[in-house]
Amino acid sequence: MSSVTDLTYRQAIIDRLDKQTQKGLKKYDAVLSHYTDMPIEKRLEHLAEELTDALVYIEHLKEWVKDNE
């Protein structure tokens, strides 16, 4: 039977999470769960900005794949 620890990409995700957490600590001197004093609207706007960036990457890569098939 397989388990969560068998996922080949699991460690890469954990490493990325650790790296992003360190980046956030360096930039904001706090982890996200300690950012409760920030208004929810501002936190939602930050999330929207991050998701928009992700969409830009997705569309760019879709074009790249199409152009390189």
PDB file of N, CA and C in Angstrom:
ATOM      1  N   MET A   1       0.836  -1.179   0.000  1.00  0.00           N
ATOM      2  CA  MET A   1       0.000   0.000   0.000  1.00  0.00           C
ATOM      3  C   MET A   1       0.887   1.250   0.000  1.00  0.00           C
ATOM      4  N   SER A   2       0.541   2.223  -0.816  1.00  0.00           N
ATOM      5  CA  SER A   2       1.283   3.482  -0.893  1.00  0.00           C
ATOM      6  C   SER A   2       0.917   4.397   0.267  1.00  0.00           C
ATOM      7  N   SER A   3       1.828   5.292   0.565  1.00  0.00           N
ATOM      8  CA  SER A   3       1.555   6.284   1.605  1.00  0.00           C
ATOM      9  C   SER A   3       1.971   7.664   1.101  1.00  0.00           C
ATOM     10  N   VAL A   4       1.613   8.649   1.866  1.00  0.00           N
ATOM     11  CA  VAL A   4       1.938  10.025   1.509  1.00  0.00           C
ATOM     12  C   VAL A   4       3.439  10.200   1.319  1.00  0.00           C
ATOM     13  N   THR A   5       4.229   9.558   2.134  1.00  0.00           N
ATOM     14  CA  THR A   5       5.671   9.725   2.046  1.00  0.00           C
ATOM     15  C   THR A   5       6.259   9.086   0.795  1.00  0.00           C
ATOM     16  N   ASP A   6       5.474   8.289   0.066  1.00  0.00           N
ATOM     17  CA  ASP A   6       5.944   7.673  -1.171  1.00  0.00           C
ATOM     18  C   ASP A   6       5.888   8.623  -2.372  1.00  0.00           C
ATOM     19  N   LEU A   7       5.225   9.755  -2.217  1.00  0.00           N
ATOM     20  CA  LEU A   7       5.101  10.690  -3.330  1.00  0.00           C
ATOM     21  C   LEU A   7       6.478  11.232  -3.702  1.00  0.00           C
ATOM     22  N   THR A   8       6.869  11.073  -4.953  1.00  0.00           N
ATOM     23  CA  THR A   8       8.211  11.469  -5.376  1.00  0.00           C
ATOM     24  C   THR A   8       8.421  12.980  -5.304  1.00  0.00           C
ATOM     25  N   TYR A   9       7.368  13.746  -5.426  1.00  0.00           N
ATOM     26  CA  TYR A   9       7.481  15.207  -5.423  1.00  0.00           C
ATOM     27  C   TYR A   9       7.212  15.819  -4.047  1.00  0.00           C
ATOM     28  N   ARG A  10       6.941  14.998  -3.056  1.00  0.00           N
ATOM     29  CA  ARG A  10       6.597  15.479  -1.722  1.00  0.00           C
ATOM     30  C   ARG A  10       7.700  16.358  -1.131  1.00  0.00           C
ATOM     31  N   GLN A  11       8.934  15.907  -1.189  1.00  0.00           N
ATOM     32  CA  GLN A  11      10.026  16.677  -0.587  1.00  0.00           C
ATOM     33  C   GLN A  11      10.208  18.010  -1.296  1.00  0.00           C
ATOM     34  N   ALA A  12      10.022  18.044  -2.599  1.00  0.00           N
ATOM     35  CA  ALA A  12      10.140  19.318  -3.327  1.00  0.00           C
ATOM     36  C   ALA A  12       9.090  20.314  -2.845  1.00  0.00           C
ATOM     37  N   ILE A  13       7.888  19.839  -2.553  1.00  0.00           N
ATOM     38  CA  ILE A  13       6.827  20.708  -2.043  1.00  0.00           C
ATOM     39  C   ILE A  13       7.181  21.209  -0.649  1.00  0.00           C
ATOM     40  N   ILE A  14       7.667  20.316   0.193  1.00  0.00           N
ATOM     41  CA  ILE A  14       8.062  20.703   1.550  1.00  0.00           C
ATOM     42  C   ILE A  14       9.202  21.723   1.503  1.00  0.00           C
ATOM     43  N   ASP A  15      10.186  21.477   0.641  1.00  0.00           N
ATOM     44  CA  ASP A  15      11.312  22.415   0.503  1.00  0.00           C
ATOM     45  C   ASP A  15      10.825  23.777   0.025  1.00  0.00           C
ATOM     46  N   ARG A  16       9.901  23.785  -0.934  1.00  0.00           N
ATOM     47  CA  ARG A  16       9.362  25.049  -1.450  1.00  0.00           C
ATOM     48  C   ARG A  16       8.601  25.790  -0.357  1.00  0.00           C
ATOM     49  N   LEU A  17       7.810  25.066   0.420  1.00  0.00           N
ATOM     50  CA  LEU A  17       7.064  25.682   1.519  1.00  0.00           C
ATOM     51  C   LEU A  17       8.024  26.305   2.528  1.00  0.00           C
ATOM     52  N   ASP A  18       9.069  25.579   2.888  1.00  0.00           N
ATOM     53  CA  ASP A  18      10.067  26.115   3.825  1.00  0.00           C
ATOM     54  C   ASP A  18      10.734  27.365   3.263  1.00  0.00           C
ATOM     55  N   LYS A  19      11.079  27.328   1.986  1.00  0.00           N
ATOM     56  CA  LYS A  19      11.732  28.479   1.343  1.00  0.00           C
ATOM     57  C   LYS A  19      10.799  29.693   1.333  1.00  0.00           C
ATOM     58  N   GLN A  20       9.536  29.485   0.990  1.00  0.00           N
ATOM     59  CA  GLN A  20       8.575  30.585   0.952  1.00  0.00           C
ATOM     60  C   GLN A  20       8.313  31.131   2.354  1.00  0.00           C
ATOM     61  N   THR A  21       8.288  30.255   3.344  1.00  0.00           N
ATOM     62  CA  THR A  21       8.088  30.695   4.722  1.00  0.00           C
ATOM     63  C   THR A  21       9.259  31.567   5.163  1.00  0.00           C
ATOM     64  N   GLN A  22      10.485  31.151   4.848  1.00  0.00           N
ATOM     65  CA  GLN A  22      11.661  31.954   5.182  1.00  0.00           C
ATOM     66  C   GLN A  22      11.630  33.298   4.465  1.00  0.00           C
ATOM     67  N   LYS A  23      11.210  33.282   3.212  1.00  0.00           N
ATOM     68  CA  LYS A  23      11.106  34.519   2.431  1.00  0.00           C
ATOM     69  C   LYS A  23      10.098  35.475   3.083  1.00  0.00           C
ATOM     70  N   GLY A  24       8.959  34.927   3.505  1.00  0.00           N
ATOM     71  CA  GLY A  24       7.942  35.743   4.173  1.00  0.00           C
ATOM     72  C   GLY A  24       8.423  36.296   5.495  1.00  0.00           C
ATOM     73  N   LEU A  25       9.144  35.474   6.257  1.00  0.00           N
ATOM     74  CA  LEU A  25       9.696  35.946   7.531  1.00  0.00           C
ATOM     75  C   LEU A  25      10.679  37.089   7.309  1.00  0.00           C
ATOM     76  N   LYS A  26      11.494  36.946   6.282  1.00  0.00           N
ATOM     77  CA  LYS A  26      12.493  37.981   5.984  1.00  0.00           C
ATOM     78  C   LYS A  26      11.808  39.278   5.530  1.00  0.00           C
ATOM     79  N   LYS A  27      10.783  39.135   4.695  1.00  0.00           N
ATOM     80  CA  LYS A  27      10.114  40.306   4.134  1.00  0.00           C
ATOM     81  C   LYS A  27       9.160  40.969   5.126  1.00  0.00           C
ATOM     82  N   TYR A  28       8.375  40.152   5.860  1.00  0.00           N
ATOM     83  CA  TYR A  28       7.312  40.697   6.719  1.00  0.00           C
ATOM     84  C   TYR A  28       7.575  40.521   8.211  1.00  0.00           C
ATOM     85  N   ASP A  29       8.634  39.807   8.553  1.00  0.00           N
ATOM     86  CA  ASP A  29       8.978  39.541   9.953  1.00  0.00           C
ATOM     87  C   ASP A  29       7.840  38.839  10.693  1.00  0.00           C
ATOM     88  N   ALA A  30       7.075  38.030   9.960  1.00  0.00           N
ATOM     89  CA  ALA A  30       5.973  37.273  10.562  1.00  0.00           C
ATOM     90  C   ALA A  30       5.526  36.201   9.579  1.00  0.00           C
ATOM     91  N   VAL A  31       4.946  35.143  10.127  1.00  0.00           N
ATOM     92  CA  VAL A  31       4.332  34.135   9.258  1.00  0.00           C
ATOM     93  C   VAL A  31       2.883  34.531   9.039  1.00  0.00           C
ATOM     94  N   LEU A  32       2.288  33.978   8.012  1.00  0.00           N
ATOM     95  CA  LEU A  32       0.937  34.364   7.629  1.00  0.00           C
ATOM     96  C   LEU A  32      -0.067  34.233   8.774  1.00  0.00           C
ATOM     97  N   SER A  33       0.038  33.186   9.555  1.00  0.00           N
ATOM     98  CA  SER A  33      -0.923  32.982  10.644  1.00  0.00           C
ATOM     99  C   SER A  33      -0.842  34.064  11.723  1.00  0.00           C
ATOM    100  N   HIS A  34       0.246  34.841  11.737  1.00  0.00           N
ATOM    101  CA  HIS A  34       0.386  35.936  12.700  1.00  0.00           C
ATOM    102  C   HIS A  34      -0.042  37.272  12.113  1.00  0.00           C
ATOM    103  N   TYR A  35      -0.558  37.258  10.900  1.00  0.00           N
ATOM    104  CA  TYR A  35      -0.942  38.489  10.215  1.00  0.00           C
ATOM    105  C   TYR A  35      -2.406  38.835  10.438  1.00  0.00           C
ATOM    106  N   THR A  36      -2.916  38.531  11.625  1.00  0.00           N
ATOM    107  CA  THR A  36      -4.337  38.746  11.896  1.00  0.00           C
ATOM    108  C   THR A  36      -4.713  40.215  12.014  1.00  0.00           C
ATOM    109  N   ASP A  37      -3.730  41.096  12.197  1.00  0.00           N
ATOM    110  CA  ASP A  37      -4.047  42.518  12.292  1.00  0.00           C
ATOM    111  C   ASP A  37      -4.272  43.142  10.919  1.00  0.00           C
ATOM    112  N   MET A  38      -3.926  42.442   9.847  1.00  0.00           N
ATOM    113  CA  MET A  38      -4.157  42.948   8.501  1.00  0.00           C
ATOM    114  C   MET A  38      -5.633  42.730   8.147  1.00  0.00           C
ATOM    115  N   PRO A  39      -6.309  43.730   7.648  1.00  0.00           N
ATOM    116  CA  PRO A  39      -7.719  43.565   7.296  1.00  0.00           C
ATOM    117  C   PRO A  39      -7.909  42.427   6.286  1.00  0.00           C
ATOM    118  N   ILE A  40      -9.010  41.724   6.424  1.00  0.00           N
ATOM    119  CA  ILE A  40      -9.298  40.593   5.546  1.00  0.00           C
ATOM    120  C   ILE A  40      -9.313  41.024   4.081  1.00  0.00           C
ATOM    121  N   GLU A  41      -9.792  42.219   3.799  1.00  0.00           N
ATOM    122  CA  GLU A  41      -9.838  42.709   2.413  1.00  0.00           C
ATOM    123  C   GLU A  41      -8.433  42.782   1.820  1.00  0.00           C
ATOM    124  N   LYS A  42      -7.475  43.235   2.635  1.00  0.00           N
ATOM    125  CA  LYS A  42      -6.101  43.342   2.154  1.00  0.00           C
ATOM    126  C   LYS A  42      -5.493  41.959   1.944  1.00  0.00           C
ATOM    127  N   ARG A  43      -5.779  41.015   2.858  1.00  0.00           N
ATOM    128  CA  ARG A  43      -5.281  39.652   2.686  1.00  0.00           C
ATOM    129  C   ARG A  43      -5.881  39.011   1.438  1.00  0.00           C
ATOM    130  N   LEU A  44      -7.173  39.255   1.198  1.00  0.00           N
ATOM    131  CA  LEU A  44      -7.807  38.718  -0.008  1.00  0.00           C
ATOM    132  C   LEU A  44      -7.205  39.341  -1.272  1.00  0.00           C
ATOM    133  N   GLU A  45      -6.874  40.612  -1.200  1.00  0.00           N
ATOM    134  CA  GLU A  45      -6.243  41.263  -2.351  1.00  0.00           C
ATOM    135  C   GLU A  45      -4.867  40.667  -2.621  1.00  0.00           C
ATOM    136  N   HIS A  46      -4.108  40.393  -1.579  1.00  0.00           N
ATOM    137  CA  HIS A  46      -2.799  39.738  -1.755  1.00  0.00           C
ATOM    138  C   HIS A  46      -2.977  38.381  -2.419  1.00  0.00           C
ATOM    139  N   LEU A  47      -3.971  37.624  -1.982  1.00  0.00           N
ATOM    140  CA  LEU A  47      -4.245  36.324  -2.585  1.00  0.00           C
ATOM    141  C   LEU A  47      -4.620  36.483  -4.052  1.00  0.00           C
ATOM    142  N   ALA A  48      -5.474  37.445  -4.364  1.00  0.00           N
ATOM    143  CA  ALA A  48      -5.869  37.678  -5.754  1.00  0.00           C
ATOM    144  C   ALA A  48      -4.656  38.017  -6.620  1.00  0.00           C
ATOM    145  N   GLU A  49      -3.745  38.810  -6.094  1.00  0.00           N
ATOM    146  CA  GLU A  49      -2.536  39.156  -6.836  1.00  0.00           C
ATOM    147  C   GLU A  49      -1.676  37.918  -7.091  1.00  0.00           C
ATOM    148  N   GLU A  50      -1.539  37.079  -6.086  1.00  0.00           N
ATOM    149  CA  GLU A  50      -0.749  35.849  -6.256  1.00  0.00           C
ATOM    150  C   GLU A  50      -1.386  34.929  -7.292  1.00  0.00           C
ATOM    151  N   LEU A  51      -2.703  34.793  -7.246  1.00  0.00           N
ATOM    152  CA  LEU A  51      -3.400  33.933  -8.204  1.00  0.00           C
ATOM    153  C   LEU A  51      -3.315  34.503  -9.626  1.00  0.00           C
ATOM    154  N   THR A  52      -3.359  35.817  -9.747  1.00  0.00           N
ATOM    155  CA  THR A  52      -3.196  36.442 -11.054  1.00  0.00           C
ATOM    156  C   THR A  52      -1.808  36.150 -11.620  1.00  0.00           C
ATOM    157  N   ASP A  53      -0.791  36.253 -10.771  1.00  0.00           N
ATOM    158  CA  ASP A  53       0.561  35.903 -11.203  1.00  0.00           C
ATOM    159  C   ASP A  53       0.613  34.453 -11.675  1.00  0.00           C
ATOM    160  N   ALA A  54      -0.052  33.563 -10.942  1.00  0.00           N
ATOM    161  CA  ALA A  54      -0.068  32.155 -11.334  1.00  0.00           C
ATOM    162  C   ALA A  54      -0.724  31.981 -12.700  1.00  0.00           C
ATOM    163  N   LEU A  55      -1.797  32.701 -12.951  1.00  0.00           N
ATOM    164  CA  LEU A  55      -2.457  32.623 -14.261  1.00  0.00           C
ATOM    165  C   LEU A  55      -1.549  33.105 -15.384  1.00  0.00           C
ATOM    166  N   VAL A  56      -0.774  34.134 -15.124  1.00  0.00           N
ATOM    167  CA  VAL A  56       0.182  34.620 -16.126  1.00  0.00           C
ATOM    168  C   VAL A  56       1.184  33.518 -16.473  1.00  0.00           C
ATOM    169  N   TYR A  57       1.716  32.853 -15.461  1.00  0.00           N
ATOM    170  CA  TYR A  57       2.653  31.752 -15.698  1.00  0.00           C
ATOM    171  C   TYR A  57       1.992  30.628 -16.487  1.00  0.00           C
ATOM    172  N   ILE A  58       0.768  30.282 -16.130  1.00  0.00           N
ATOM    173  CA  ILE A  58       0.054  29.208 -16.826  1.00  0.00           C
ATOM    174  C   ILE A  58      -0.139  29.549 -18.291  1.00  0.00           C
ATOM    175  N   GLU A  59      -0.623  30.742 -18.566  1.00  0.00           N
ATOM    176  CA  GLU A  59      -0.870  31.135 -19.958  1.00  0.00           C
ATOM    177  C   GLU A  59       0.435  31.194 -20.755  1.00  0.00           C
ATOM    178  N   HIS A  60       1.490  31.695 -20.128  1.00  0.00           N
ATOM    179  CA  HIS A  60       2.796  31.738 -20.788  1.00  0.00           C
ATOM    180  C   HIS A  60       3.254  30.327 -21.155  1.00  0.00           C
ATOM    181  N   LEU A  61       3.151  29.397 -20.212  1.00  0.00           N
ATOM    182  CA  LEU A  61       3.596  28.028 -20.463  1.00  0.00           C
ATOM    183  C   LEU A  61       2.712  27.320 -21.478  1.00  0.00           C
ATOM    184  N   LYS A  62       1.420  27.611 -21.485  1.00  0.00           N
ATOM    185  CA  LYS A  62       0.531  27.024 -22.497  1.00  0.00           C
ATOM    186  C   LYS A  62       0.965  27.468 -23.894  1.00  0.00           C
ATOM    187  N   GLU A  63       1.278  28.734 -24.029  1.00  0.00           N
ATOM    188  CA  GLU A  63       1.758  29.245 -25.320  1.00  0.00           C
ATOM    189  C   GLU A  63       3.085  28.594 -25.697  1.00  0.00           C
ATOM    190  N   TRP A  64       3.970  28.478 -24.727  1.00  0.00           N
ATOM    191  CA  TRP A  64       5.280  27.877 -24.979  1.00  0.00           C
ATOM    192  C   TRP A  64       5.114  26.436 -25.441  1.00  0.00           C
ATOM    193  N   VAL A  65       4.261  25.678 -24.781  1.00  0.00           N
ATOM    194  CA  VAL A  65       4.035  24.279 -25.173  1.00  0.00           C
ATOM    195  C   VAL A  65       3.471  24.218 -26.587  1.00  0.00           C
ATOM    196  N   LYS A  66       2.498  25.062 -26.876  1.00  0.00           N
ATOM    197  CA  LYS A  66       1.879  25.099 -28.208  1.00  0.00           C
ATOM    198  C   LYS A  66       2.932  25.420 -29.275  1.00  0.00           C
ATOM    199  N   ASP A  67       3.789  26.375 -28.994  1.00  0.00           N
ATOM    200  CA  ASP A  67       4.808  26.800 -29.950  1.00  0.00           C
ATOM    201  C   ASP A  67       5.931  25.772 -30.106  1.00  0.00           C
ATOM    202  N   ASN A  68       6.093  24.878 -29.131  1.00  0.00           N
ATOM    203  CA  ASN A  68       7.212  23.932 -29.154  1.00  0.00           C
ATOM    204  C   ASN A  68       6.798  22.484 -29.349  1.00  0.00           C
ATOM    205  N   GLU A  69       5.569  22.268 -29.770  1.00  0.00           N
ATOM    206  CA  GLU A  69       5.120  20.887 -30.037  1.00  0.00           C
ATOM    207  C   GLU A  69       5.573  20.435 -31.402  1.00  0.00           C
TER     208      GLU A  69
END
